Amino acid sequence: MTTWKIVNMERDSSTGFVNTVHWTCSDVDGEFSGRTYGAMGLSGELVIPYEQLTEEVVIGWVKAAMGEETVAAHEAAVAAQIAEAKAPAVATGTPW
């Protein structure tokens, strides 16, 4: 199952409102994992003070700002990383 996490946020010190969010999208399948990372500037009516934010709310902001197509693309990229790790297209090593 793909997991979205907020790893850091930047906020205006005078107002306390968040203006940049750093996030990851990741998944693990046994010993294999995949991950994407990004940062997104936020704008508009973000009316929840910093002290009252939850990770779920901020993830919702990030996904809404990205749009469904971009969210799906990140989740597909994570799945592709895991698939490639399970069955690499290129192998390395020596036969001895």
PDB file of N, CA and C in Angstrom:
ATOM      1  N   MET A   1       0.831  -1.175   0.000  1.00  0.00           N
ATOM      2  CA  MET A   1       0.000   0.000   0.000  1.00  0.00           C
ATOM      3  C   MET A   1       0.884   1.250   0.000  1.00  0.00           C
ATOM      4  N   THR A   2       0.615   2.148  -0.884  1.00  0.00           N
ATOM      5  CA  THR A   2       1.392   3.381  -0.990  1.00  0.00           C
ATOM      6  C   THR A   2       1.117   4.276   0.217  1.00  0.00           C
ATOM      7  N   THR A   3       2.177   4.823   0.773  1.00  0.00           N
ATOM      8  CA  THR A   3       2.072   5.688   1.947  1.00  0.00           C
ATOM      9  C   THR A   3       2.581   7.081   1.604  1.00  0.00           C
ATOM     10  N   TRP A   4       1.802   8.074   1.919  1.00  0.00           N
ATOM     11  CA  TRP A   4       2.204   9.469   1.780  1.00  0.00           C
ATOM     12  C   TRP A   4       2.561   9.998   3.150  1.00  0.00           C
ATOM     13  N   LYS A   5       3.714  10.683   3.252  1.00  0.00           N
ATOM     14  CA  LYS A   5       4.166  11.254   4.526  1.00  0.00           C
ATOM     15  C   LYS A   5       4.621  12.690   4.295  1.00  0.00           C
ATOM     16  N   ILE A   6       4.429  13.507   5.297  1.00  0.00           N
ATOM     17  CA  ILE A   6       4.967  14.867   5.288  1.00  0.00           C
ATOM     18  C   ILE A   6       6.261  14.820   6.093  1.00  0.00           C
ATOM     19  N   VAL A   7       7.376  15.203   5.452  1.00  0.00           N
ATOM     20  CA  VAL A   7       8.670  15.107   6.131  1.00  0.00           C
ATOM     21  C   VAL A   7       9.136  16.442   6.697  1.00  0.00           C
ATOM     22  N   ASN A   8       8.593  17.547   6.175  1.00  0.00           N
ATOM     23  CA  ASN A   8       8.961  18.855   6.703  1.00  0.00           C
ATOM     24  C   ASN A   8       8.003  19.896   6.147  1.00  0.00           C
ATOM     25  N   MET A   9       7.870  21.008   6.846  1.00  0.00           N
ATOM     26  CA  MET A   9       7.062  22.121   6.365  1.00  0.00           C
ATOM     27  C   MET A   9       7.782  23.427   6.673  1.00  0.00           C
ATOM     28  N   GLU A  10       7.605  24.382   5.783  1.00  0.00           N
ATOM     29  CA  GLU A  10       8.126  25.724   6.009  1.00  0.00           C
ATOM     30  C   GLU A  10       6.932  26.639   6.228  1.00  0.00           C
ATOM     31  N   ARG A  11       7.066  27.551   7.184  1.00  0.00           N
ATOM     32  CA  ARG A  11       5.956  28.457   7.483  1.00  0.00           C
ATOM     33  C   ARG A  11       6.459  29.871   7.711  1.00  0.00           C
ATOM     34  N   ASP A  12       5.579  30.806   7.534  1.00  0.00           N
ATOM     35  CA  ASP A  12       5.865  32.213   7.789  1.00  0.00           C
ATOM     36  C   ASP A  12       5.889  32.404   9.301  1.00  0.00           C
ATOM     37  N   SER A  13       7.009  32.861   9.822  1.00  0.00           N
ATOM     38  CA  SER A  13       7.152  33.004  11.276  1.00  0.00           C
ATOM     39  C   SER A  13       6.183  34.026  11.863  1.00  0.00           C
ATOM     40  N   SER A  14       5.841  35.039  11.093  1.00  0.00           N
ATOM     41  CA  SER A  14       4.965  36.080  11.636  1.00  0.00           C
ATOM     42  C   SER A  14       3.497  35.653  11.674  1.00  0.00           C
ATOM     43  N   THR A  15       3.082  34.814  10.732  1.00  0.00           N
ATOM     44  CA  THR A  15       1.673  34.405  10.695  1.00  0.00           C
ATOM     45  C   THR A  15       1.470  32.969  11.157  1.00  0.00           C
ATOM     46  N   GLY A  16       2.513  32.141  11.040  1.00  0.00           N
ATOM     47  CA  GLY A  16       2.406  30.736  11.402  1.00  0.00           C
ATOM     48  C   GLY A  16       1.799  29.871  10.316  1.00  0.00           C
ATOM     49  N   PHE A  17       1.466  30.456   9.165  1.00  0.00           N
ATOM     50  CA  PHE A  17       0.842  29.683   8.111  1.00  0.00           C
ATOM     51  C   PHE A  17       1.877  29.021   7.212  1.00  0.00           C
ATOM     52  N   VAL A  18       1.625  27.770   6.869  1.00  0.00           N
ATOM     53  CA  VAL A  18       2.536  26.954   6.066  1.00  0.00           C
ATOM     54  C   VAL A  18       2.513  27.436   4.623  1.00  0.00           C
ATOM     55  N   ASN A  19       3.731  27.545   4.020  1.00  0.00           N
ATOM     56  CA  ASN A  19       3.803  27.949   2.616  1.00  0.00           C
ATOM     57  C   ASN A  19       4.523  26.922   1.735  1.00  0.00           C
ATOM     58  N   THR A  20       5.267  25.987   2.334  1.00  0.00           N
ATOM     59  CA  THR A  20       5.945  24.942   1.568  1.00  0.00           C
ATOM     60  C   THR A  20       5.884  23.631   2.342  1.00  0.00           C
ATOM     61  N   VAL A  21       5.580  22.567   1.618  1.00  0.00           N
ATOM     62  CA  VAL A  21       5.494  21.240   2.226  1.00  0.00           C
ATOM     63  C   VAL A  21       6.444  20.299   1.496  1.00  0.00           C
ATOM     64  N   HIS A  22       7.239  19.536   2.247  1.00  0.00           N
ATOM     65  CA  HIS A  22       8.125  18.507   1.705  1.00  0.00           C
ATOM     66  C   HIS A  22       7.471  17.162   2.015  1.00  0.00           C
ATOM     67  N   TRP A  23       7.353  16.301   1.014  1.00  0.00           N
ATOM     68  CA  TRP A  23       6.593  15.066   1.158  1.00  0.00           C
ATOM     69  C   TRP A  23       7.321  13.883   0.524  1.00  0.00           C
ATOM     70  N   THR A  24       6.903  12.680   0.918  1.00  0.00           N
ATOM     71  CA  THR A  24       7.349  11.455   0.261  1.00  0.00           C
ATOM     72  C   THR A  24       6.134  10.595  -0.045  1.00  0.00           C
ATOM     73  N   CYS A  25       6.278   9.800  -1.078  1.00  0.00           N
ATOM     74  CA  CYS A  25       5.311   8.782  -1.461  1.00  0.00           C
ATOM     75  C   CYS A  25       6.127   7.497  -1.540  1.00  0.00           C
ATOM     76  N   SER A  26       5.755   6.465  -0.781  1.00  0.00           N
ATOM     77  CA  SER A  26       6.584   5.264  -0.736  1.00  0.00           C
ATOM     78  C   SER A  26       5.733   4.011  -0.570  1.00  0.00           C
ATOM     79  N   ASP A  27       6.376   2.890  -0.822  1.00  0.00           N
ATOM     80  CA  ASP A  27       5.751   1.592  -0.627  1.00  0.00           C
ATOM     81  C   ASP A  27       6.846   0.562  -0.399  1.00  0.00           C
ATOM     82  N   VAL A  28       6.510  -0.516   0.264  1.00  0.00           N
ATOM     83  CA  VAL A  28       7.435  -1.613   0.536  1.00  0.00           C
ATOM     84  C   VAL A  28       6.730  -2.917   0.194  1.00  0.00           C
ATOM     85  N   ASP A  29       7.455  -3.783  -0.494  1.00  0.00           N
ATOM     86  CA  ASP A  29       6.949  -5.119  -0.815  1.00  0.00           C
ATOM     87  C   ASP A  29       8.051  -6.095  -0.446  1.00  0.00           C
ATOM     88  N   GLY A  30       7.955  -6.667   0.744  1.00  0.00           N
ATOM     89  CA  GLY A  30       9.013  -7.559   1.227  1.00  0.00           C
ATOM     90  C   GLY A  30      10.300  -6.785   1.408  1.00  0.00           C
ATOM     91  N   GLU A  31      11.358  -7.224   0.716  1.00  0.00           N
ATOM     92  CA  GLU A  31      12.658  -6.557   0.821  1.00  0.00           C
ATOM     93  C   GLU A  31      12.823  -5.422  -0.200  1.00  0.00           C
ATOM     94  N   PHE A  32      11.816  -5.190  -1.018  1.00  0.00           N
ATOM     95  CA  PHE A  32      11.897  -4.190  -2.078  1.00  0.00           C
ATOM     96  C   PHE A  32      11.080  -2.955  -1.708  1.00  0.00           C
ATOM     97  N   SER A  33      11.603  -1.794  -2.078  1.00  0.00           N
ATOM     98  CA  SER A  33      10.883  -0.564  -1.770  1.00  0.00           C
ATOM     99  C   SER A  33      11.050   0.443  -2.909  1.00  0.00           C
ATOM    100  N   GLY A  34      10.154   1.413  -2.917  1.00  0.00           N
ATOM    101  CA  GLY A  34      10.211   2.499  -3.885  1.00  0.00           C
ATOM    102  C   GLY A  34       9.806   3.782  -3.189  1.00  0.00           C
ATOM    103  N   ARG A  35      10.268   4.915  -3.735  1.00  0.00           N
ATOM    104  CA  ARG A  35      10.003   6.193  -3.055  1.00  0.00           C
ATOM    105  C   ARG A  35      10.134   7.340  -4.033  1.00  0.00           C
ATOM    106  N   THR A  36       9.235   8.309  -3.920  1.00  0.00           N
ATOM    107  CA  THR A  36       9.401   9.591  -4.594  1.00  0.00           C
ATOM    108  C   THR A  36       9.371  10.668  -3.518  1.00  0.00           C
ATOM    109  N   TYR A  37       9.982  11.796  -3.820  1.00  0.00           N
ATOM    110  CA  TYR A  37      10.064  12.911  -2.879  1.00  0.00           C
ATOM    111  C   TYR A  37       9.793  14.192  -3.638  1.00  0.00           C
ATOM    112  N   GLY A  38       9.194  15.138  -2.972  1.00  0.00           N
ATOM    113  CA  GLY A  38       8.996  16.432  -3.598  1.00  0.00           C
ATOM    114  C   GLY A  38       8.718  17.505  -2.568  1.00  0.00           C
ATOM    115  N   ALA A  39       8.743  18.729  -3.049  1.00  0.00           N
ATOM    116  CA  ALA A  39       8.379  19.881  -2.231  1.00  0.00           C
ATOM    117  C   ALA A  39       7.377  20.691  -3.035  1.00  0.00           C
ATOM    118  N   MET A  40       6.408  21.242  -2.349  1.00  0.00           N
ATOM    119  CA  MET A  40       5.351  21.976  -3.031  1.00  0.00           C
ATOM    120  C   MET A  40       5.049  23.256  -2.273  1.00  0.00           C
ATOM    121  N   GLY A  41       5.019  24.353  -3.012  1.00  0.00           N
ATOM    122  CA  GLY A  41       4.591  25.612  -2.442  1.00  0.00           C
ATOM    123  C   GLY A  41       3.077  25.645  -2.380  1.00  0.00           C
ATOM    124  N   LEU A  42       2.547  26.182  -1.303  1.00  0.00           N
ATOM    125  CA  LEU A  42       1.109  26.275  -1.128  1.00  0.00           C
ATOM    126  C   LEU A  42       0.682  27.735  -1.187  1.00  0.00           C
ATOM    127  N   SER A  43      -0.499  27.953  -1.707  1.00  0.00           N
ATOM    128  CA  SER A  43      -1.052  29.296  -1.738  1.00  0.00           C
ATOM    129  C   SER A  43      -2.560  29.194  -1.592  1.00  0.00           C
ATOM    130  N   GLY A  44      -3.204  30.321  -1.465  1.00  0.00           N
ATOM    131  CA  GLY A  44      -4.654  30.303  -1.331  1.00  0.00           C
ATOM    132  C   GLY A  44      -5.070  30.439   0.113  1.00  0.00           C
ATOM    133  N   GLU A  45      -6.273  30.035   0.385  1.00  0.00           N
ATOM    134  CA  GLU A  45      -6.865  30.185   1.712  1.00  0.00           C
ATOM    135  C   GLU A  45      -6.531  28.995   2.601  1.00  0.00           C
ATOM    136  N   LEU A  46      -5.362  29.011   3.185  1.00  0.00           N
ATOM    137  CA  LEU A  46      -4.953  27.968   4.125  1.00  0.00           C
ATOM    138  C   LEU A  46      -5.222  28.518   5.522  1.00  0.00           C
ATOM    139  N   VAL A  47      -6.375  28.228   6.055  1.00  0.00           N
ATOM    140  CA  VAL A  47      -6.858  28.928   7.241  1.00  0.00           C
ATOM    141  C   VAL A  47      -6.656  28.169   8.550  1.00  0.00           C
ATOM    142  N   ILE A  48      -5.935  27.066   8.505  1.00  0.00           N
ATOM    143  CA  ILE A  48      -5.712  26.310   9.736  1.00  0.00           C
ATOM    144  C   ILE A  48      -4.357  26.728  10.321  1.00  0.00           C
ATOM    145  N   PRO A  49      -4.335  27.233  11.542  1.00  0.00           N
ATOM    146  CA  PRO A  49      -3.068  27.605  12.165  1.00  0.00           C
ATOM    147  C   PRO A  49      -2.132  26.396  12.299  1.00  0.00           C
ATOM    148  N   TYR A  50      -0.847  26.674  12.261  1.00  0.00           N
ATOM    149  CA  TYR A  50       0.188  25.639  12.309  1.00  0.00           C
ATOM    150  C   TYR A  50      -0.029  24.658  13.456  1.00  0.00           C
ATOM    151  N   GLU A  51      -0.323  25.159  14.626  1.00  0.00           N
ATOM    152  CA  GLU A  51      -0.451  24.312  15.816  1.00  0.00           C
ATOM    153  C   GLU A  51      -1.613  23.333  15.718  1.00  0.00           C
ATOM    154  N   GLN A  52      -2.560  23.601  14.828  1.00  0.00           N
ATOM    155  CA  GLN A  52      -3.746  22.749  14.719  1.00  0.00           C
ATOM    156  C   GLN A  52      -3.700  21.807  13.518  1.00  0.00           C
ATOM    157  N   LEU A  53      -2.626  21.844  12.751  1.00  0.00           N
ATOM    158  CA  LEU A  53      -2.524  20.990  11.568  1.00  0.00           C
ATOM    159  C   LEU A  53      -2.300  19.533  11.954  1.00  0.00           C
ATOM    160  N   THR A  54      -2.808  18.647  11.093  1.00  0.00           N
ATOM    161  CA  THR A  54      -2.506  17.224  11.212  1.00  0.00           C
ATOM    162  C   THR A  54      -1.855  16.792   9.896  1.00  0.00           C
ATOM    163  N   GLU A  55      -1.142  15.693   9.940  1.00  0.00           N
ATOM    164  CA  GLU A  55      -0.513  15.189   8.724  1.00  0.00           C
ATOM    165  C   GLU A  55      -1.564  14.867   7.666  1.00  0.00           C
ATOM    166  N   GLU A  56      -2.691  14.337   8.076  1.00  0.00           N
ATOM    167  CA  GLU A  56      -3.749  13.996   7.119  1.00  0.00           C
ATOM    168  C   GLU A  56      -4.254  15.230   6.380  1.00  0.00           C
ATOM    169  N   VAL A  57      -4.421  16.336   7.089  1.00  0.00           N
ATOM    170  CA  VAL A  57      -4.878  17.579   6.458  1.00  0.00           C
ATOM    171  C   VAL A  57      -3.859  18.054   5.428  1.00  0.00           C
ATOM    172  N   VAL A  58      -2.580  18.045   5.791  1.00  0.00           N
ATOM    173  CA  VAL A  58      -1.538  18.548   4.896  1.00  0.00           C
ATOM    174  C   VAL A  58      -1.382  17.627   3.686  1.00  0.00           C
ATOM    175  N   ILE A  59      -1.456  16.324   3.890  1.00  0.00           N
ATOM    176  CA  ILE A  59      -1.424  15.388   2.752  1.00  0.00           C
ATOM    177  C   ILE A  59      -2.594  15.683   1.815  1.00  0.00           C
ATOM    178  N   GLY A  60      -3.741  15.962   2.378  1.00  0.00           N
ATOM    179  CA  GLY A  60      -4.898  16.329   1.567  1.00  0.00           C
ATOM    180  C   GLY A  60      -4.637  17.573   0.739  1.00  0.00           C
ATOM    181  N   TRP A  61      -3.998  18.579   1.332  1.00  0.00           N
ATOM    182  CA  TRP A  61      -3.634  19.799   0.596  1.00  0.00           C
ATOM    183  C   TRP A  61      -2.701  19.472  -0.555  1.00  0.00           C
ATOM    184  N   VAL A  62      -1.667  18.669  -0.260  1.00  0.00           N
ATOM    185  CA  VAL A  62      -0.674  18.318  -1.283  1.00  0.00           C
ATOM    186  C   VAL A  62      -1.337  17.577  -2.440  1.00  0.00           C
ATOM    187  N   LYS A  63      -2.125  16.571  -2.121  1.00  0.00           N
ATOM    188  CA  LYS A  63      -2.781  15.785  -3.175  1.00  0.00           C
ATOM    189  C   LYS A  63      -3.759  16.637  -3.979  1.00  0.00           C
ATOM    190  N   ALA A  64      -4.487  17.508  -3.312  1.00  0.00           N
ATOM    191  CA  ALA A  64      -5.431  18.374  -4.020  1.00  0.00           C
ATOM    192  C   ALA A  64      -4.690  19.328  -4.950  1.00  0.00           C
ATOM    193  N   ALA A  65      -3.572  19.882  -4.491  1.00  0.00           N
ATOM    194  CA  ALA A  65      -2.787  20.802  -5.322  1.00  0.00           C
ATOM    195  C   ALA A  65      -2.166  20.080  -6.514  1.00  0.00           C
ATOM    196  N   MET A  66      -1.766  18.817  -6.325  1.00  0.00           N
ATOM    197  CA  MET A  66      -1.183  18.022  -7.413  1.00  0.00           C
ATOM    198  C   MET A  66      -2.229  17.641  -8.452  1.00  0.00           C
ATOM    199  N   GLY A  67      -3.367  17.226  -7.975  1.00  0.00           N
ATOM    200  CA  GLY A  67      -4.393  16.677  -8.847  1.00  0.00           C
ATOM    201  C   GLY A  67      -4.277  15.164  -8.912  1.00  0.00           C
ATOM    202  N   GLU A  68      -5.397  14.519  -9.227  1.00  0.00           N
ATOM    203  CA  GLU A  68      -5.454  13.058  -9.221  1.00  0.00           C
ATOM    204  C   GLU A  68      -4.457  12.418 -10.174  1.00  0.00           C
ATOM    205  N   GLU A  69      -4.257  13.020 -11.333  1.00  0.00           N
ATOM    206  CA  GLU A  69      -3.357  12.438 -12.333  1.00  0.00           C
ATOM    207  C   GLU A  69      -1.911  12.408 -11.836  1.00  0.00           C
ATOM    208  N   THR A  70      -1.470  13.486 -11.210  1.00  0.00           N
ATOM    209  CA  THR A  70      -0.093  13.541 -10.699  1.00  0.00           C
ATOM    210  C   THR A  70       0.083  12.619  -9.502  1.00  0.00           C
ATOM    211  N   VAL A  71      -0.912  12.556  -8.627  1.00  0.00           N
ATOM    212  CA  VAL A  71      -0.862  11.620  -7.495  1.00  0.00           C
ATOM    213  C   VAL A  71      -0.713  10.200  -8.020  1.00  0.00           C
ATOM    214  N   ALA A  72      -1.521   9.837  -9.002  1.00  0.00           N
ATOM    215  CA  ALA A  72      -1.456   8.493  -9.589  1.00  0.00           C
ATOM    216  C   ALA A  72      -0.109   8.241 -10.246  1.00  0.00           C
ATOM    217  N   ALA A  73       0.479   9.263 -10.865  1.00  0.00           N
ATOM    218  CA  ALA A  73       1.788   9.108 -11.502  1.00  0.00           C
ATOM    219  C   ALA A  73       2.876   8.825 -10.469  1.00  0.00           C
ATOM    220  N   HIS A  74       2.825   9.492  -9.316  1.00  0.00           N
ATOM    221  CA  HIS A  74       3.818   9.224  -8.259  1.00  0.00           C
ATOM    222  C   HIS A  74       3.645   7.809  -7.722  1.00  0.00           C
ATOM    223  N   GLU A  75       2.414   7.394  -7.503  1.00  0.00           N
ATOM    224  CA  GLU A  75       2.168   6.047  -6.995  1.00  0.00           C
ATOM    225  C   GLU A  75       2.598   4.993  -8.014  1.00  0.00           C
ATOM    226  N   ALA A  76       2.387   5.274  -9.293  1.00  0.00           N
ATOM    227  CA  ALA A  76       2.832   4.347 -10.346  1.00  0.00           C
ATOM    228  C   ALA A  76       4.357   4.293 -10.419  1.00  0.00           C
ATOM    229  N   ALA A  77       5.019   5.425 -10.215  1.00  0.00           N
ATOM    230  CA  ALA A  77       6.482   5.451 -10.234  1.00  0.00           C
ATOM    231  C   ALA A  77       7.053   4.614  -9.095  1.00  0.00           C
ATOM    232  N   VAL A  78       6.432   4.685  -7.936  1.00  0.00           N
ATOM    233  CA  VAL A  78       6.868   3.875  -6.791  1.00  0.00           C
ATOM    234  C   VAL A  78       6.680   2.388  -7.107  1.00  0.00           C
ATOM    235  N   ALA A  79       5.536   2.033  -7.661  1.00  0.00           N
ATOM    236  CA  ALA A  79       5.273   0.636  -8.031  1.00  0.00           C
ATOM    237  C   ALA A  79       6.269   0.154  -9.078  1.00  0.00           C
ATOM    238  N   ALA A  80       6.616   1.019 -10.031  1.00  0.00           N
ATOM    239  CA  ALA A  80       7.584   0.657 -11.074  1.00  0.00           C
ATOM    240  C   ALA A  80       8.980   0.430 -10.478  1.00  0.00           C
ATOM    241  N   GLN A  81       9.363   1.235  -9.495  1.00  0.00           N
ATOM    242  CA  GLN A  81      10.653   1.037  -8.831  1.00  0.00           C
ATOM    243  C   GLN A  81      10.708  -0.334  -8.167  1.00  0.00           C
ATOM    244  N   ILE A  82       9.631  -0.718  -7.512  1.00  0.00           N
ATOM    245  CA  ILE A  82       9.587  -2.016  -6.845  1.00  0.00           C
ATOM    246  C   ILE A  82       9.624  -3.144  -7.874  1.00  0.00           C
ATOM    247  N   ALA A  83       8.865  -3.003  -8.951  1.00  0.00           N
ATOM    248  CA  ALA A  83       8.858  -4.027 -10.002  1.00  0.00           C
ATOM    249  C   ALA A  83      10.238  -4.180 -10.622  1.00  0.00           C
ATOM    250  N   GLU A  84      10.918  -3.076 -10.855  1.00  0.00           N
ATOM    251  CA  GLU A  84      12.270  -3.114 -11.427  1.00  0.00           C
ATOM    252  C   GLU A  84      13.248  -3.773 -10.453  1.00  0.00           C
ATOM    253  N   ALA A  85      13.106  -3.502  -9.173  1.00  0.00           N
ATOM    254  CA  ALA A  85      13.994  -4.113  -8.180  1.00  0.00           C
ATOM    255  C   ALA A  85      13.772  -5.625  -8.097  1.00  0.00           C
ATOM    256  N   LYS A  86      12.530  -6.068  -8.273  1.00  0.00           N
ATOM    257  CA  LYS A  86      12.209  -7.488  -8.217  1.00  0.00           C
ATOM    258  C   LYS A  86      12.724  -8.244  -9.429  1.00  0.00           C
ATOM    259  N   ALA A  87      12.664  -7.600 -10.593  1.00  0.00           N
ATOM    260  CA  ALA A  87      13.083  -8.239 -11.846  1.00  0.00           C
ATOM    261  C   ALA A  87      13.866  -7.236 -12.685  1.00  0.00           C
ATOM    262  N   PRO A  88      15.126  -6.999 -12.290  1.00  0.00           N
ATOM    263  CA  PRO A  88      15.909  -5.977 -12.987  1.00  0.00           C
ATOM    264  C   PRO A  88      16.096  -6.273 -14.464  1.00  0.00           C
ATOM    265  N   ALA A  89      16.026  -5.237 -15.289  1.00  0.00           N
ATOM    266  CA  ALA A  89      16.233  -5.376 -16.732  1.00  0.00           C
ATOM    267  C   ALA A  89      17.702  -5.597 -17.060  1.00  0.00           C
ATOM    268  N   VAL A  90      18.577  -5.125 -16.182  1.00  0.00           N
ATOM    269  CA  VAL A  90      20.009  -5.276 -16.382  1.00  0.00           C
ATOM    270  C   VAL A  90      20.597  -5.965 -15.160  1.00  0.00           C
ATOM    271  N   ALA A  91      21.394  -6.988 -15.401  1.00  0.00           N
ATOM    272  CA  ALA A  91      22.050  -7.711 -14.301  1.00  0.00           C
ATOM    273  C   ALA A  91      23.536  -7.417 -14.339  1.00  0.00           C
ATOM    274  N   THR A  92      24.154  -7.439 -13.191  1.00  0.00           N
ATOM    275  CA  THR A  92      25.604  -7.218 -13.097  1.00  0.00           C
ATOM    276  C   THR A  92      26.241  -8.398 -12.390  1.00  0.00           C
ATOM    277  N   GLY A  93      27.545  -8.468 -12.469  1.00  0.00           N
ATOM    278  CA  GLY A  93      28.267  -9.520 -11.777  1.00  0.00           C
ATOM    279  C   GLY A  93      29.222 -10.230 -12.696  1.00  0.00           C
ATOM    280  N   THR A  94      29.835 -11.268 -12.186  1.00  0.00           N
ATOM    281  CA  THR A  94      30.743 -12.105 -12.947  1.00  0.00           C
ATOM    282  C   THR A  94      30.334 -13.560 -12.766  1.00  0.00           C
ATOM    283  N   PRO A  95      30.633 -14.402 -13.742  1.00  0.00           N
ATOM    284  CA  PRO A  95      30.197 -15.790 -13.628  1.00  0.00           C
ATOM    285  C   PRO A  95      31.094 -16.659 -12.743  1.00  0.00           C
ATOM    286  N   TRP A  96      32.128 -16.156 -12.192  1.00  0.00           N
ATOM    287  CA  TRP A  96      33.003 -16.981 -11.334  1.00  0.00           C
ATOM    288  C   TRP A  96      32.941 -16.595  -9.894  1.00  0.00           C
TER     289      TRP A  96
END
